[in-house]
Amino acid sequence: MSKSDVARFLPAILLGAAFLFAQGGVPQMKSVEPDTAKAGDVLTVTGENLDKTSVAEIYLTDGKNDFKTVITAQESGTVKVKVPETAKPGRLALMVLTKGKDQKLIEQPVKVTIE
């Protein structure tokens, strides 16, 4: 890519970055309480950009199977989810489905043990 190509695309890149910043950024989960739960329990997840404008759905995943949770409360820094009856026992990661035209599933570094 030449310097003239970079100069031509720079405004679009900056506009895209500004749009992402205005959207509140990428959802990031930092912790979950309790760290051990069973089906029907409510988990409290803390992090950043977890509000309704950024997060469409939250799943528990073992890397092969995804279990959709029910969101019971949702704010920018906190979201509460109910562990689904279908969740299999084991150590599962949380995963978010972002909102927007280009939705993405993003596995988070936060894990919970399902009994």
C-alpha atoms as a PDB file:
ATOM      1  CA  MET A   1       0.000   0.000   0.000  1.00  0.00           C
ATOM      2  CA  SER A   2       1.479   3.332  -1.034  1.00  0.00           C
ATOM      3  CA  LYS A   3       1.480   6.545   0.985  1.00  0.00           C
ATOM      4  CA  SER A   4      -1.191   7.981  -1.305  1.00  0.00           C
ATOM      5  CA  ASP A   5      -3.421   4.944  -0.582  1.00  0.00           C
ATOM      6  CA  VAL A   6      -2.971   5.460   3.146  1.00  0.00           C
ATOM      7  CA  ALA A   7      -3.790   9.165   2.803  1.00  0.00           C
ATOM      8  CA  ARG A   8      -6.901   8.327   0.791  1.00  0.00           C
ATOM      9  CA  PHE A   9      -8.193   5.764   3.316  1.00  0.00           C
ATOM     10  CA  LEU A  10      -7.132   7.598   6.495  1.00  0.00           C
ATOM     11  CA  PRO A  11     -10.349   9.652   6.815  1.00  0.00           C
ATOM     12  CA  ALA A  12     -12.456   6.479   6.548  1.00  0.00           C
ATOM     13  CA  ILE A  13     -10.279   4.717   9.134  1.00  0.00           C
ATOM     14  CA  LEU A  14     -10.531   7.656  11.537  1.00  0.00           C
ATOM     15  CA  LEU A  15     -14.271   7.880  11.013  1.00  0.00           C
ATOM     16  CA  GLY A  16     -14.619   4.168  11.765  1.00  0.00           C
ATOM     17  CA  ALA A  17     -12.534   4.519  14.931  1.00  0.00           C
ATOM     18  CA  ALA A  18     -14.626   7.515  16.030  1.00  0.00           C
ATOM     19  CA  PHE A  19     -17.800   5.509  15.405  1.00  0.00           C
ATOM     20  CA  LEU A  20     -16.544   2.626  17.561  1.00  0.00           C
ATOM     21  CA  PHE A  21     -15.544   5.052  20.301  1.00  0.00           C
ATOM     22  CA  ALA A  22     -18.981   6.709  20.167  1.00  0.00           C
ATOM     23  CA  GLN A  23     -20.619   3.283  20.350  1.00  0.00           C
ATOM     24  CA  GLY A  24     -18.939   2.770  23.708  1.00  0.00           C
ATOM     25  CA  GLY A  25     -16.285   0.306  22.611  1.00  0.00           C
ATOM     26  CA  VAL A  26     -15.970  -3.427  22.713  1.00  0.00           C
ATOM     27  CA  PRO A  27     -17.680  -5.283  25.590  1.00  0.00           C
ATOM     28  CA  GLN A  28     -15.163  -6.534  28.162  1.00  0.00           C
ATOM     29  CA  MET A  29     -15.998  -8.799  31.083  1.00  0.00           C
ATOM     30  CA  LYS A  30     -13.605  -8.703  34.024  1.00  0.00           C
ATOM     31  CA  SER A  31     -15.209 -10.831  36.753  1.00  0.00           C
ATOM     32  CA  VAL A  32     -18.217 -13.005  37.600  1.00  0.00           C
ATOM     33  CA  GLU A  33     -19.877 -13.736  40.945  1.00  0.00           C
ATOM     34  CA  PRO A  34     -20.395 -16.371  42.102  1.00  0.00           C
ATOM     35  CA  ASP A  35     -17.640 -18.310  40.356  1.00  0.00           C
ATOM     36  CA  THR A  36     -19.512 -21.595  40.890  1.00  0.00           C
ATOM     37  CA  ALA A  37     -23.209 -21.946  40.028  1.00  0.00           C
ATOM     38  CA  LYS A  38     -25.923 -24.335  38.895  1.00  0.00           C
ATOM     39  CA  ALA A  39     -28.801 -24.100  36.426  1.00  0.00           C
ATOM     40  CA  GLY A  40     -31.234 -21.367  37.434  1.00  0.00           C
ATOM     41  CA  ASP A  41     -28.690 -19.341  39.418  1.00  0.00           C
ATOM     42  CA  VAL A  42     -28.114 -15.683  38.555  1.00  0.00           C
ATOM     43  CA  LEU A  43     -24.548 -14.578  37.790  1.00  0.00           C
ATOM     44  CA  THR A  44     -23.387 -10.980  38.220  1.00  0.00           C
ATOM     45  CA  VAL A  45     -20.781 -10.025  35.631  1.00  0.00           C
ATOM     46  CA  THR A  46     -18.757  -6.820  35.919  1.00  0.00           C
ATOM     47  CA  GLY A  47     -16.763  -5.129  33.185  1.00  0.00           C
ATOM     48  CA  GLU A  48     -17.064  -2.390  30.588  1.00  0.00           C
ATOM     49  CA  ASN A  49     -19.484  -1.657  27.741  1.00  0.00           C
ATOM     50  CA  LEU A  50     -21.991  -4.290  28.845  1.00  0.00           C
ATOM     51  CA  ASP A  51     -25.097  -2.148  28.260  1.00  0.00           C
ATOM     52  CA  LYS A  52     -27.948  -2.827  25.840  1.00  0.00           C
ATOM     53  CA  THR A  53     -26.368  -0.713  23.095  1.00  0.00           C
ATOM     54  CA  SER A  54     -23.260  -2.948  23.019  1.00  0.00           C
ATOM     55  CA  VAL A  55     -24.402  -6.451  24.046  1.00  0.00           C
ATOM     56  CA  ALA A  56     -27.235  -8.334  22.339  1.00  0.00           C
ATOM     57  CA  GLU A  57     -26.871 -11.724  24.069  1.00  0.00           C
ATOM     58  CA  ILE A  58     -24.611 -13.559  26.490  1.00  0.00           C
ATOM     59  CA  TYR A  59     -23.680 -17.222  26.292  1.00  0.00           C
ATOM     60  CA  LEU A  60     -21.818 -19.780  28.370  1.00  0.00           C
ATOM     61  CA  THR A  61     -19.491 -21.879  26.215  1.00  0.00           C
ATOM     62  CA  ASP A  62     -17.178 -24.847  26.524  1.00  0.00           C
ATOM     63  CA  GLY A  63     -15.664 -24.077  23.126  1.00  0.00           C
ATOM     64  CA  LYS A  64     -17.898 -26.587  21.323  1.00  0.00           C
ATOM     65  CA  ASN A  65     -21.336 -25.996  22.830  1.00  0.00           C
ATOM     66  CA  ASP A  66     -22.919 -22.602  23.497  1.00  0.00           C
ATOM     67  CA  PHE A  67     -25.679 -22.092  26.069  1.00  0.00           C
ATOM     68  CA  LYS A  68     -27.724 -18.886  25.764  1.00  0.00           C
ATOM     69  CA  THR A  69     -28.357 -17.170  29.094  1.00  0.00           C
ATOM     70  CA  VAL A  70     -31.295 -14.964  30.026  1.00  0.00           C
ATOM     71  CA  ILE A  71     -30.235 -11.390  30.770  1.00  0.00           C
ATOM     72  CA  THR A  72     -32.123 -10.217  33.868  1.00  0.00           C
ATOM     73  CA  ALA A  73     -30.453  -6.799  34.341  1.00  0.00           C
ATOM     74  CA  GLN A  74     -28.055  -4.828  32.183  1.00  0.00           C
ATOM     75  CA  GLU A  75     -26.025  -1.640  32.682  1.00  0.00           C
ATOM     76  CA  SER A  76     -22.738  -0.368  31.277  1.00  0.00           C
ATOM     77  CA  GLY A  77     -20.571  -1.895  34.017  1.00  0.00           C
ATOM     78  CA  THR A  78     -22.742  -4.776  35.216  1.00  0.00           C
ATOM     79  CA  VAL A  79     -24.964  -7.424  33.710  1.00  0.00           C
ATOM     80  CA  LYS A  80     -26.907 -10.190  35.442  1.00  0.00           C
ATOM     81  CA  VAL A  81     -27.615 -13.451  33.637  1.00  0.00           C
ATOM     82  CA  LYS A  82     -29.496 -16.599  34.556  1.00  0.00           C
ATOM     83  CA  VAL A  83     -27.704 -19.909  33.988  1.00  0.00           C
ATOM     84  CA  PRO A  84     -29.830 -21.908  31.516  1.00  0.00           C
ATOM     85  CA  GLU A  85     -31.189 -25.364  32.362  1.00  0.00           C
ATOM     86  CA  THR A  86     -29.362 -26.705  29.284  1.00  0.00           C
ATOM     87  CA  ALA A  87     -25.898 -25.701  30.571  1.00  0.00           C
ATOM     88  CA  LYS A  88     -23.650 -28.717  31.008  1.00  0.00           C
ATOM     89  CA  PRO A  89     -21.514 -29.106  34.140  1.00  0.00           C
ATOM     90  CA  GLY A  90     -17.911 -27.979  33.851  1.00  0.00           C
ATOM     91  CA  ARG A  91     -15.756 -24.893  33.514  1.00  0.00           C
ATOM     92  CA  LEU A  92     -17.434 -22.566  31.002  1.00  0.00           C
ATOM     93  CA  ALA A  93     -16.364 -19.224  29.551  1.00  0.00           C
ATOM     94  CA  LEU A  94     -18.704 -16.307  29.060  1.00  0.00           C
ATOM     95  CA  MET A  95     -19.192 -15.021  25.529  1.00  0.00           C
ATOM     96  CA  VAL A  96     -20.976 -11.920  24.228  1.00  0.00           C
ATOM     97  CA  LEU A  97     -22.813 -11.339  20.977  1.00  0.00           C
ATOM     98  CA  THR A  98     -22.274  -7.693  20.103  1.00  0.00           C
ATOM     99  CA  LYS A  99     -25.037  -5.491  18.760  1.00  0.00           C
ATOM    100  CA  GLY A 100     -24.982  -3.737  15.441  1.00  0.00           C
ATOM    101  CA  LYS A 101     -24.858  -4.407  11.753  1.00  0.00           C
ATOM    102  CA  ASP A 102     -21.672  -6.478  12.002  1.00  0.00           C
ATOM    103  CA  GLN A 103     -22.414  -8.639  15.060  1.00  0.00           C
ATOM    104  CA  LYS A 104     -19.568 -10.646  16.549  1.00  0.00           C
ATOM    105  CA  LEU A 105     -19.309 -13.401  19.133  1.00  0.00           C
ATOM    106  CA  ILE A 106     -16.459 -12.573  21.511  1.00  0.00           C
ATOM    107  CA  GLU A 107     -15.326 -15.124  24.075  1.00  0.00           C
ATOM    108  CA  GLN A 108     -14.356 -13.409  27.310  1.00  0.00           C
ATOM    109  CA  PRO A 109     -11.494 -14.294  29.707  1.00  0.00           C
ATOM    110  CA  VAL A 110     -14.067 -14.823  32.482  1.00  0.00           C
ATOM    111  CA  LYS A 111     -15.034 -18.368  33.470  1.00  0.00           C
ATOM    112  CA  VAL A 112     -17.585 -19.956  35.783  1.00  0.00           C
ATOM    113  CA  THR A 113     -17.878 -23.528  37.043  1.00  0.00           C
ATOM    114  CA  ILE A 114     -21.308 -25.076  36.503  1.00  0.00           C
ATOM    115  CA  GLU A 115     -22.180 -27.884  38.904  1.00  0.00           C
END
